[in-house]
Amino acid sequence: MKYFLIFLLAFFSYASSTYSATVDTVNVFSAGMNKNIKTVVVKPDTYNEKQSFPVLYLLHGYSDRYDGWVTKVPSIIELSDSHDIIVVCPDGGFNSWYWDSPVDAAYQYETFVAKELIKWADNNLYTIPSREGRAITGLSMGGHGGLYLAFRNQDVFGACGSMSGGVDIRPFPNNWDMYKYIGKQSESPENWNEYTVMGLLHLLTPNRLKIIIDCGTEDFFYEVNERLHKELLYRNIPHDYISRPGSHNWEYWSNAIKYQMLYFNEFFDNQGTN
């Protein structure tokens, strides 16, 4: 028993010393919305002023908040350490879908994430201040946000992803109160085309963005992800597409993020930024 306890102490000491990334919650001011927005920042153990680090902007889903990822998938901290990547998790509101709402001036989340948050990170962290050092992804509503923001801001992000993302909102006109921020589909159909990932594919050119998409076969967003995958193939847009058994839940996302972090790490390595 004595030796077993010694082994346990040694093991936990090793584990704690192996992964010692720091997790901070900061307030980032949004001039566009005139408020502070809470944001989690995970910095790897190697973080120091003599080195610049790539950043993954990791977005939460509908009804969640800024600390959703680190609370429900604490392995994010280990992944930050193992890949030497800063992870930034902003609060995207209850149901912003990361749009600049044409209806509600209080919802300007594209401006916040793609401009204000990027500027804050580059001014306050030891980042690589270029698209070659930035990736963005998320789950569900955040999966939509990851692709939507990257497709519209290709000068900002070099890689993007989606996990169980609502990549086409048009089949869901009555869900998640989206109409409050882009108008009712029956009254503003042009908004429902412009504010969905599937309506932005004309912005893409081969190999401009690194793209990874992941969705479980039992997910209610599975069909729209399948259609996105096929449309990207038709347009000759290279991308990674992962489909496997799984539903719209944290068990699936805690597995999916491992593949996505590996994918983004390879992107950063190929850019010579990591």
C-alpha atoms as a PDB file:
ATOM      1  CA  MET A   1       0.000   0.000   0.000  1.00  0.00           C
ATOM      2  CA  LYS A   2       2.844   2.337   0.898  1.00  0.00           C
ATOM      3  CA  TYR A   3       4.498   1.888  -2.482  1.00  0.00           C
ATOM      4  CA  PHE A   4       1.160   2.264  -4.256  1.00  0.00           C
ATOM      5  CA  LEU A   5       0.614   5.638  -2.577  1.00  0.00           C
ATOM      6  CA  ILE A   6       4.124   6.721  -3.521  1.00  0.00           C
ATOM      7  CA  PHE A   7       3.373   5.713  -7.115  1.00  0.00           C
ATOM      8  CA  LEU A   8       0.143   7.714  -7.113  1.00  0.00           C
ATOM      9  CA  LEU A   9       1.884  10.796  -5.739  1.00  0.00           C
ATOM     10  CA  ALA A  10       4.603  10.470  -8.349  1.00  0.00           C
ATOM     11  CA  PHE A  11       2.041  10.032 -11.105  1.00  0.00           C
ATOM     12  CA  PHE A  12      -0.010  13.086 -10.161  1.00  0.00           C
ATOM     13  CA  SER A  13       3.149  15.114  -9.709  1.00  0.00           C
ATOM     14  CA  TYR A  14       4.237  14.124 -13.207  1.00  0.00           C
ATOM     15  CA  ALA A  15       0.802  14.853 -14.666  1.00  0.00           C
ATOM     16  CA  SER A  16       0.639  18.294 -13.090  1.00  0.00           C
ATOM     17  CA  SER A  17       4.118  19.159 -14.287  1.00  0.00           C
ATOM     18  CA  THR A  18       3.438  17.841 -17.793  1.00  0.00           C
ATOM     19  CA  TYR A  19       0.459  20.114 -18.419  1.00  0.00           C
ATOM     20  CA  SER A  20       0.738  23.488 -16.768  1.00  0.00           C
ATOM     21  CA  ALA A  21      -0.910  25.826 -19.238  1.00  0.00           C
ATOM     22  CA  THR A  22      -2.471  28.899 -17.657  1.00  0.00           C
ATOM     23  CA  VAL A  23      -6.172  29.719 -17.952  1.00  0.00           C
ATOM     24  CA  ASP A  24      -7.290  33.314 -17.527  1.00  0.00           C
ATOM     25  CA  THR A  25     -10.612  35.092 -17.929  1.00  0.00           C
ATOM     26  CA  VAL A  26     -10.307  38.615 -19.289  1.00  0.00           C
ATOM     27  CA  ASN A  27     -12.656  41.416 -20.286  1.00  0.00           C
ATOM     28  CA  VAL A  28     -12.273  42.554 -23.885  1.00  0.00           C
ATOM     29  CA  PHE A  29     -13.991  45.818 -24.721  1.00  0.00           C
ATOM     30  CA  SER A  30     -16.149  45.922 -27.825  1.00  0.00           C
ATOM     31  CA  ALA A  31     -16.502  49.446 -29.169  1.00  0.00           C
ATOM     32  CA  GLY A  32     -19.081  48.186 -31.644  1.00  0.00           C
ATOM     33  CA  MET A  33     -21.347  46.973 -28.835  1.00  0.00           C
ATOM     34  CA  ASN A  34     -20.078  49.352 -26.152  1.00  0.00           C
ATOM     35  CA  LYS A  35     -19.510  46.651 -23.546  1.00  0.00           C
ATOM     36  CA  ASN A  36     -16.891  44.348 -22.086  1.00  0.00           C
ATOM     37  CA  ILE A  37     -17.052  40.761 -23.266  1.00  0.00           C
ATOM     38  CA  LYS A  38     -15.657  37.967 -21.128  1.00  0.00           C
ATOM     39  CA  THR A  39     -13.099  35.799 -22.854  1.00  0.00           C
ATOM     40  CA  VAL A  40     -11.093  32.779 -21.718  1.00  0.00           C
ATOM     41  CA  VAL A  41      -7.421  32.691 -22.723  1.00  0.00           C
ATOM     42  CA  VAL A  42      -5.410  29.477 -22.455  1.00  0.00           C
ATOM     43  CA  LYS A  43      -1.645  29.937 -22.740  1.00  0.00           C
ATOM     44  CA  PRO A  44       0.651  26.920 -23.122  1.00  0.00           C
ATOM     45  CA  ASP A  45       3.361  26.170 -20.602  1.00  0.00           C
ATOM     46  CA  THR A  46       6.014  27.331 -23.084  1.00  0.00           C
ATOM     47  CA  TYR A  47       4.423  30.785 -23.383  1.00  0.00           C
ATOM     48  CA  ASN A  48       7.051  33.512 -23.029  1.00  0.00           C
ATOM     49  CA  GLU A  49       7.944  36.949 -24.330  1.00  0.00           C
ATOM     50  CA  LYS A  50      10.792  35.671 -26.496  1.00  0.00           C
ATOM     51  CA  GLN A  51       8.489  33.661 -28.754  1.00  0.00           C
ATOM     52  CA  SER A  52       5.359  34.303 -30.825  1.00  0.00           C
ATOM     53  CA  PHE A  53       2.539  31.769 -30.691  1.00  0.00           C
ATOM     54  CA  PRO A  54      -0.261  30.807 -33.082  1.00  0.00           C
ATOM     55  CA  VAL A  55      -3.812  31.297 -31.839  1.00  0.00           C
ATOM     56  CA  LEU A  56      -6.921  29.156 -32.143  1.00  0.00           C
ATOM     57  CA  TYR A  57     -10.140  31.103 -31.673  1.00  0.00           C
ATOM     58  CA  LEU A  58     -12.574  28.540 -30.262  1.00  0.00           C
ATOM     59  CA  LEU A  59     -16.301  29.394 -30.333  1.00  0.00           C
ATOM     60  CA  HIS A  60     -19.075  28.063 -28.121  1.00  0.00           C
ATOM     61  CA  GLY A  61     -22.535  26.956 -29.144  1.00  0.00           C
ATOM     62  CA  TYR A  62     -26.078  28.212 -28.709  1.00  0.00           C
ATOM     63  CA  SER A  63     -27.048  29.130 -25.119  1.00  0.00           C
ATOM     64  CA  ASP A  64     -23.508  28.532 -23.843  1.00  0.00           C
ATOM     65  CA  ARG A  65     -20.847  31.063 -22.874  1.00  0.00           C
ATOM     66  CA  TYR A  66     -17.128  31.900 -22.915  1.00  0.00           C
ATOM     67  CA  ASP A  67     -16.053  29.227 -20.393  1.00  0.00           C
ATOM     68  CA  GLY A  68     -18.096  26.411 -21.894  1.00  0.00           C
ATOM     69  CA  TRP A  69     -15.188  24.741 -23.628  1.00  0.00           C
ATOM     70  CA  VAL A  70     -12.690  24.760 -20.751  1.00  0.00           C
ATOM     71  CA  THR A  71     -15.361  23.735 -18.238  1.00  0.00           C
ATOM     72  CA  LYS A  72     -16.824  20.838 -20.205  1.00  0.00           C
ATOM     73  CA  VAL A  73     -13.690  19.779 -22.107  1.00  0.00           C
ATOM     74  CA  PRO A  74     -10.775  20.512 -19.757  1.00  0.00           C
ATOM     75  CA  SER A  75      -8.491  18.584 -22.101  1.00  0.00           C
ATOM     76  CA  ILE A  76      -8.398  21.858 -24.071  1.00  0.00           C
ATOM     77  CA  ILE A  77      -5.726  22.908 -21.563  1.00  0.00           C
ATOM     78  CA  GLU A  78      -3.622  19.855 -22.335  1.00  0.00           C
ATOM     79  CA  LEU A  79      -4.088  20.351 -26.070  1.00  0.00           C
ATOM     80  CA  SER A  80      -2.876  23.942 -25.772  1.00  0.00           C
ATOM     81  CA  ASP A  81       0.227  22.637 -24.035  1.00  0.00           C
ATOM     82  CA  SER A  82       0.938  19.732 -26.343  1.00  0.00           C
ATOM     83  CA  HIS A  83       0.596  21.843 -29.505  1.00  0.00           C
ATOM     84  CA  ASP A  84       2.029  25.142 -28.168  1.00  0.00           C
ATOM     85  CA  ILE A  85      -1.087  26.998 -29.297  1.00  0.00           C
ATOM     86  CA  ILE A  86      -2.857  29.835 -27.497  1.00  0.00           C
ATOM     87  CA  VAL A  87      -6.593  29.137 -27.278  1.00  0.00           C
ATOM     88  CA  VAL A  88      -8.985  32.096 -27.072  1.00  0.00           C
ATOM     89  CA  CYS A  89     -12.649  31.460 -26.230  1.00  0.00           C
ATOM     90  CA  PRO A  90     -14.833  34.585 -26.489  1.00  0.00           C
ATOM     91  CA  ASP A  91     -18.383  34.960 -25.290  1.00  0.00           C
ATOM     92  CA  GLY A  92     -20.588  34.924 -28.374  1.00  0.00           C
ATOM     93  CA  GLY A  93     -23.843  35.778 -26.681  1.00  0.00           C
ATOM     94  CA  PHE A  94     -26.766  33.430 -26.098  1.00  0.00           C
ATOM     95  CA  ASN A  95     -27.617  33.087 -29.794  1.00  0.00           C
ATOM     96  CA  SER A  96     -25.583  35.554 -31.863  1.00  0.00           C
ATOM     97  CA  TRP A  97     -24.510  33.031 -34.518  1.00  0.00           C
ATOM     98  CA  TYR A  98     -21.483  35.354 -34.685  1.00  0.00           C
ATOM     99  CA  TRP A  99     -23.247  37.737 -37.049  1.00  0.00           C
ATOM    100  CA  ASP A 100     -23.205  41.490 -37.312  1.00  0.00           C
ATOM    101  CA  SER A 101     -26.974  41.638 -37.053  1.00  0.00           C
ATOM    102  CA  PRO A 102     -28.670  43.822 -39.671  1.00  0.00           C
ATOM    103  CA  VAL A 103     -31.652  44.040 -37.321  1.00  0.00           C
ATOM    104  CA  ASP A 104     -30.214  44.522 -33.814  1.00  0.00           C
ATOM    105  CA  ALA A 105     -27.327  46.971 -33.373  1.00  0.00           C
ATOM    106  CA  ALA A 106     -26.546  45.352 -30.005  1.00  0.00           C
ATOM    107  CA  TYR A 107     -25.450  42.170 -31.809  1.00  0.00           C
ATOM    108  CA  GLN A 108     -22.233  42.917 -33.688  1.00  0.00           C
ATOM    109  CA  TYR A 109     -20.303  39.714 -33.078  1.00  0.00           C
ATOM    110  CA  GLU A 110     -18.528  39.414 -36.419  1.00  0.00           C
ATOM    111  CA  THR A 111     -16.909  42.783 -35.783  1.00  0.00           C
ATOM    112  CA  PHE A 112     -16.058  41.749 -32.251  1.00  0.00           C
ATOM    113  CA  VAL A 113     -14.414  38.406 -33.051  1.00  0.00           C
ATOM    114  CA  ALA A 114     -12.836  39.146 -36.436  1.00  0.00           C
ATOM    115  CA  LYS A 115     -11.624  42.660 -35.621  1.00  0.00           C
ATOM    116  CA  GLU A 116     -11.794  43.800 -32.005  1.00  0.00           C
ATOM    117  CA  LEU A 117     -10.801  40.514 -30.361  1.00  0.00           C
ATOM    118  CA  ILE A 118      -8.010  39.917 -32.894  1.00  0.00           C
ATOM    119  CA  LYS A 119      -6.629  43.392 -32.210  1.00  0.00           C
ATOM    120  CA  TRP A 120      -6.821  42.846 -28.462  1.00  0.00           C
ATOM    121  CA  ALA A 121      -5.034  39.486 -28.698  1.00  0.00           C
ATOM    122  CA  ASP A 122      -2.257  40.827 -30.899  1.00  0.00           C
ATOM    123  CA  ASN A 123      -1.760  43.806 -28.564  1.00  0.00           C
ATOM    124  CA  ASN A 124      -1.857  41.861 -25.301  1.00  0.00           C
ATOM    125  CA  LEU A 125      -0.477  38.401 -26.086  1.00  0.00           C
ATOM    126  CA  TYR A 126       2.656  37.121 -27.767  1.00  0.00           C
ATOM    127  CA  THR A 127       0.876  36.127 -30.963  1.00  0.00           C
ATOM    128  CA  ILE A 128       1.777  35.736 -34.605  1.00  0.00           C
ATOM    129  CA  PRO A 129      -0.129  38.763 -35.937  1.00  0.00           C
ATOM    130  CA  SER A 130      -1.031  37.388 -39.354  1.00  0.00           C
ATOM    131  CA  ARG A 131      -3.490  34.980 -40.954  1.00  0.00           C
ATOM    132  CA  GLU A 132      -0.731  32.348 -41.019  1.00  0.00           C
ATOM    133  CA  GLY A 133      -0.853  32.302 -37.222  1.00  0.00           C
ATOM    134  CA  ARG A 134      -4.636  32.246 -36.751  1.00  0.00           C
ATOM    135  CA  ALA A 135      -7.296  29.543 -36.942  1.00  0.00           C
ATOM    136  CA  ILE A 136     -10.943  29.584 -35.891  1.00  0.00           C
ATOM    137  CA  THR A 137     -13.450  26.818 -35.164  1.00  0.00           C
ATOM    138  CA  GLY A 138     -16.337  25.982 -32.875  1.00  0.00           C
ATOM    139  CA  LEU A 139     -19.277  23.711 -32.167  1.00  0.00           C
ATOM    140  CA  SER A 140     -22.889  23.971 -33.355  1.00  0.00           C
ATOM    141  CA  MET A 141     -23.632  27.722 -33.515  1.00  0.00           C
ATOM    142  CA  GLY A 142     -19.879  28.179 -33.083  1.00  0.00           C
ATOM    143  CA  GLY A 143     -19.256  25.757 -35.945  1.00  0.00           C
ATOM    144  CA  HIS A 144     -21.310  28.048 -38.134  1.00  0.00           C
ATOM    145  CA  GLY A 145     -19.300  30.951 -36.713  1.00  0.00           C
ATOM    146  CA  GLY A 146     -15.948  29.327 -37.414  1.00  0.00           C
ATOM    147  CA  LEU A 147     -16.660  28.921 -41.126  1.00  0.00           C
ATOM    148  CA  TYR A 148     -18.799  32.042 -41.526  1.00  0.00           C
ATOM    149  CA  LEU A 149     -16.174  34.354 -40.025  1.00  0.00           C
ATOM    150  CA  ALA A 150     -13.269  32.739 -41.852  1.00  0.00           C
ATOM    151  CA  PHE A 151     -14.994  32.742 -45.246  1.00  0.00           C
ATOM    152  CA  ARG A 152     -15.821  36.431 -44.835  1.00  0.00           C
ATOM    153  CA  ASN A 153     -12.451  37.396 -43.338  1.00  0.00           C
ATOM    154  CA  GLN A 154      -9.841  35.444 -45.270  1.00  0.00           C
ATOM    155  CA  ASP A 155      -7.274  38.170 -44.699  1.00  0.00           C
ATOM    156  CA  VAL A 156      -7.591  37.506 -40.948  1.00  0.00           C
ATOM    157  CA  PHE A 157      -7.771  33.695 -40.654  1.00  0.00           C
ATOM    158  CA  GLY A 158      -5.678  31.132 -42.485  1.00  0.00           C
ATOM    159  CA  ALA A 159      -7.509  28.029 -41.279  1.00  0.00           C
ATOM    160  CA  CYS A 160     -11.000  27.273 -40.054  1.00  0.00           C
ATOM    161  CA  GLY A 161     -13.229  24.490 -38.902  1.00  0.00           C
ATOM    162  CA  SER A 162     -16.639  23.383 -37.726  1.00  0.00           C
ATOM    163  CA  MET A 163     -17.831  20.690 -35.322  1.00  0.00           C
ATOM    164  CA  SER A 164     -21.507  19.740 -35.658  1.00  0.00           C
ATOM    165  CA  GLY A 165     -22.001  23.151 -37.196  1.00  0.00           C
ATOM    166  CA  GLY A 166     -25.263  24.732 -38.296  1.00  0.00           C
ATOM    167  CA  VAL A 167     -23.671  25.370 -41.666  1.00  0.00           C
ATOM    168  CA  ASP A 168     -26.979  26.030 -43.432  1.00  0.00           C
ATOM    169  CA  ILE A 169     -29.562  27.880 -41.364  1.00  0.00           C
ATOM    170  CA  ARG A 170     -32.225  27.978 -44.077  1.00  0.00           C
ATOM    171  CA  PRO A 171     -33.891  24.638 -43.176  1.00  0.00           C
ATOM    172  CA  PHE A 172     -34.426  25.962 -39.622  1.00  0.00           C
ATOM    173  CA  PRO A 173     -36.386  29.237 -40.005  1.00  0.00           C
ATOM    174  CA  ASN A 174     -38.199  28.863 -36.685  1.00  0.00           C
ATOM    175  CA  ASN A 175     -35.343  27.604 -34.536  1.00  0.00           C
ATOM    176  CA  TRP A 176     -33.154  29.323 -31.956  1.00  0.00           C
ATOM    177  CA  ASP A 177     -34.781  32.751 -32.430  1.00  0.00           C
ATOM    178  CA  MET A 178     -32.525  33.487 -35.391  1.00  0.00           C
ATOM    179  CA  TYR A 179     -35.256  35.617 -36.956  1.00  0.00           C
ATOM    180  CA  LYS A 180     -34.733  38.184 -34.197  1.00  0.00           C
ATOM    181  CA  TYR A 181     -31.315  39.011 -35.619  1.00  0.00           C
ATOM    182  CA  ILE A 182     -31.707  38.629 -39.388  1.00  0.00           C
ATOM    183  CA  GLY A 183     -35.458  38.994 -39.834  1.00  0.00           C
ATOM    184  CA  LYS A 184     -38.055  36.361 -40.646  1.00  0.00           C
ATOM    185  CA  GLN A 185     -37.180  34.132 -43.579  1.00  0.00           C
ATOM    186  CA  SER A 186     -40.548  34.838 -45.217  1.00  0.00           C
ATOM    187  CA  GLU A 187     -39.912  38.583 -45.041  1.00  0.00           C
ATOM    188  CA  SER A 188     -36.124  38.783 -45.532  1.00  0.00           C
ATOM    189  CA  PRO A 189     -35.102  35.716 -47.587  1.00  0.00           C
ATOM    190  CA  GLU A 190     -32.013  37.546 -48.868  1.00  0.00           C
ATOM    191  CA  ASN A 191     -30.668  37.706 -45.299  1.00  0.00           C
ATOM    192  CA  TRP A 192     -31.101  33.966 -44.856  1.00  0.00           C
ATOM    193  CA  ASN A 193     -28.958  33.429 -47.947  1.00  0.00           C
ATOM    194  CA  GLU A 194     -26.336  36.018 -47.032  1.00  0.00           C
ATOM    195  CA  TYR A 195     -25.957  35.073 -43.370  1.00  0.00           C
ATOM    196  CA  THR A 196     -25.461  31.339 -43.812  1.00  0.00           C
ATOM    197  CA  VAL A 197     -22.235  29.468 -44.556  1.00  0.00           C
ATOM    198  CA  MET A 198     -23.819  27.802 -47.587  1.00  0.00           C
ATOM    199  CA  GLY A 199     -24.439  31.219 -49.087  1.00  0.00           C
ATOM    200  CA  LEU A 200     -20.781  32.202 -48.920  1.00  0.00           C
ATOM    201  CA  LEU A 201     -19.128  29.513 -51.013  1.00  0.00           C
ATOM    202  CA  HIS A 202     -18.671  31.909 -53.916  1.00  0.00           C
ATOM    203  CA  LEU A 203     -16.053  33.677 -51.759  1.00  0.00           C
ATOM    204  CA  LEU A 204     -13.775  30.632 -51.721  1.00  0.00           C
ATOM    205  CA  THR A 205     -10.883  29.830 -54.027  1.00  0.00           C
ATOM    206  CA  PRO A 206      -8.900  26.578 -53.939  1.00  0.00           C
ATOM    207  CA  ASN A 207      -6.258  26.405 -51.197  1.00  0.00           C
ATOM    208  CA  ARG A 208      -6.797  29.920 -49.883  1.00  0.00           C
ATOM    209  CA  LEU A 209      -8.182  28.575 -46.591  1.00  0.00           C
ATOM    210  CA  LYS A 210      -7.481  25.323 -44.775  1.00  0.00           C
ATOM    211  CA  ILE A 211     -10.884  23.887 -43.909  1.00  0.00           C
ATOM    212  CA  ILE A 212     -11.919  21.011 -41.629  1.00  0.00           C
ATOM    213  CA  ILE A 213     -15.524  19.944 -41.074  1.00  0.00           C
ATOM    214  CA  ASP A 214     -16.701  17.306 -38.579  1.00  0.00           C
ATOM    215  CA  CYS A 215     -20.234  16.060 -37.885  1.00  0.00           C
ATOM    216  CA  GLY A 216     -21.768  12.919 -36.394  1.00  0.00           C
ATOM    217  CA  THR A 217     -24.164  10.778 -38.390  1.00  0.00           C
ATOM    218  CA  GLU A 218     -26.900  11.034 -35.716  1.00  0.00           C
ATOM    219  CA  ASP A 219     -26.646  14.818 -35.497  1.00  0.00           C
ATOM    220  CA  PHE A 220     -29.628  16.947 -36.583  1.00  0.00           C
ATOM    221  CA  PHE A 221     -27.105  19.048 -38.553  1.00  0.00           C
ATOM    222  CA  TYR A 222     -25.711  15.989 -40.353  1.00  0.00           C
ATOM    223  CA  GLU A 223     -27.611  16.517 -43.619  1.00  0.00           C
ATOM    224  CA  VAL A 224     -26.582  20.159 -43.990  1.00  0.00           C
ATOM    225  CA  ASN A 225     -22.965  19.188 -43.337  1.00  0.00           C
ATOM    226  CA  GLU A 226     -23.196  16.460 -45.964  1.00  0.00           C
ATOM    227  CA  ARG A 227     -24.539  19.001 -48.455  1.00  0.00           C
ATOM    228  CA  LEU A 228     -21.765  21.448 -47.622  1.00  0.00           C
ATOM    229  CA  HIS A 229     -19.157  18.729 -48.135  1.00  0.00           C
ATOM    230  CA  LYS A 230     -20.595  17.777 -51.528  1.00  0.00           C
ATOM    231  CA  GLU A 231     -20.850  21.395 -52.636  1.00  0.00           C
ATOM    232  CA  LEU A 232     -17.209  22.027 -51.689  1.00  0.00           C
ATOM    233  CA  LEU A 233     -16.221  18.953 -53.705  1.00  0.00           C
ATOM    234  CA  TYR A 234     -18.238  20.227 -56.672  1.00  0.00           C
ATOM    235  CA  ARG A 235     -16.463  23.582 -56.456  1.00  0.00           C
ATOM    236  CA  ASN A 236     -13.026  21.911 -56.149  1.00  0.00           C
ATOM    237  CA  ILE A 237     -12.389  23.473 -52.742  1.00  0.00           C
ATOM    238  CA  PRO A 238      -9.963  21.222 -50.808  1.00  0.00           C
ATOM    239  CA  HIS A 239     -11.094  20.413 -47.272  1.00  0.00           C
ATOM    240  CA  ASP A 240     -11.019  17.678 -44.655  1.00  0.00           C
ATOM    241  CA  TYR A 241     -14.392  16.124 -43.873  1.00  0.00           C
ATOM    242  CA  ILE A 242     -14.919  13.796 -40.928  1.00  0.00           C
ATOM    243  CA  SER A 243     -18.168  11.897 -40.434  1.00  0.00           C
ATOM    244  CA  ARG A 244     -18.549   9.162 -37.845  1.00  0.00           C
ATOM    245  CA  PRO A 245     -21.210   7.803 -35.482  1.00  0.00           C
ATOM    246  CA  GLY A 246     -22.158  10.405 -32.919  1.00  0.00           C
ATOM    247  CA  SER A 247     -24.735  12.939 -31.867  1.00  0.00           C
ATOM    248  CA  HIS A 248     -24.946  16.612 -30.924  1.00  0.00           C
ATOM    249  CA  ASN A 249     -23.279  16.389 -27.525  1.00  0.00           C
ATOM    250  CA  TRP A 250     -20.136  17.019 -25.527  1.00  0.00           C
ATOM    251  CA  GLU A 251     -18.958  13.427 -25.851  1.00  0.00           C
ATOM    252  CA  TYR A 252     -18.685  13.985 -29.587  1.00  0.00           C
ATOM    253  CA  TRP A 253     -17.088  17.445 -29.348  1.00  0.00           C
ATOM    254  CA  SER A 254     -14.508  16.415 -26.761  1.00  0.00           C
ATOM    255  CA  ASN A 255     -13.293  13.883 -29.316  1.00  0.00           C
ATOM    256  CA  ALA A 256     -13.643  16.144 -32.353  1.00  0.00           C
ATOM    257  CA  ILE A 257     -11.512  18.930 -30.914  1.00  0.00           C
ATOM    258  CA  LYS A 258      -8.515  16.584 -30.713  1.00  0.00           C
ATOM    259  CA  TYR A 259      -8.585  16.056 -34.478  1.00  0.00           C
ATOM    260  CA  GLN A 260      -9.129  19.724 -35.170  1.00  0.00           C
ATOM    261  CA  MET A 261      -6.269  20.856 -32.939  1.00  0.00           C
ATOM    262  CA  LEU A 262      -3.985  18.370 -34.689  1.00  0.00           C
ATOM    263  CA  TYR A 263      -5.147  19.698 -38.062  1.00  0.00           C
ATOM    264  CA  PHE A 264      -4.496  23.316 -37.079  1.00  0.00           C
ATOM    265  CA  ASN A 265      -1.132  22.419 -35.548  1.00  0.00           C
ATOM    266  CA  GLU A 266      -0.105  20.922 -38.888  1.00  0.00           C
ATOM    267  CA  PHE A 267      -1.281  24.085 -40.645  1.00  0.00           C
ATOM    268  CA  PHE A 268       0.820  26.252 -38.326  1.00  0.00           C
ATOM    269  CA  ASP A 269       3.818  23.950 -38.756  1.00  0.00           C
ATOM    270  CA  ASN A 270       3.555  24.205 -42.535  1.00  0.00           C
ATOM    271  CA  GLN A 271       3.473  27.986 -42.277  1.00  0.00           C
ATOM    272  CA  GLY A 272       6.646  27.916 -40.184  1.00  0.00           C
ATOM    273  CA  THR A 273       4.790  29.595 -37.338  1.00  0.00           C
ATOM    274  CA  ASN A 274       4.838  26.785 -34.784  1.00  0.00           C
END
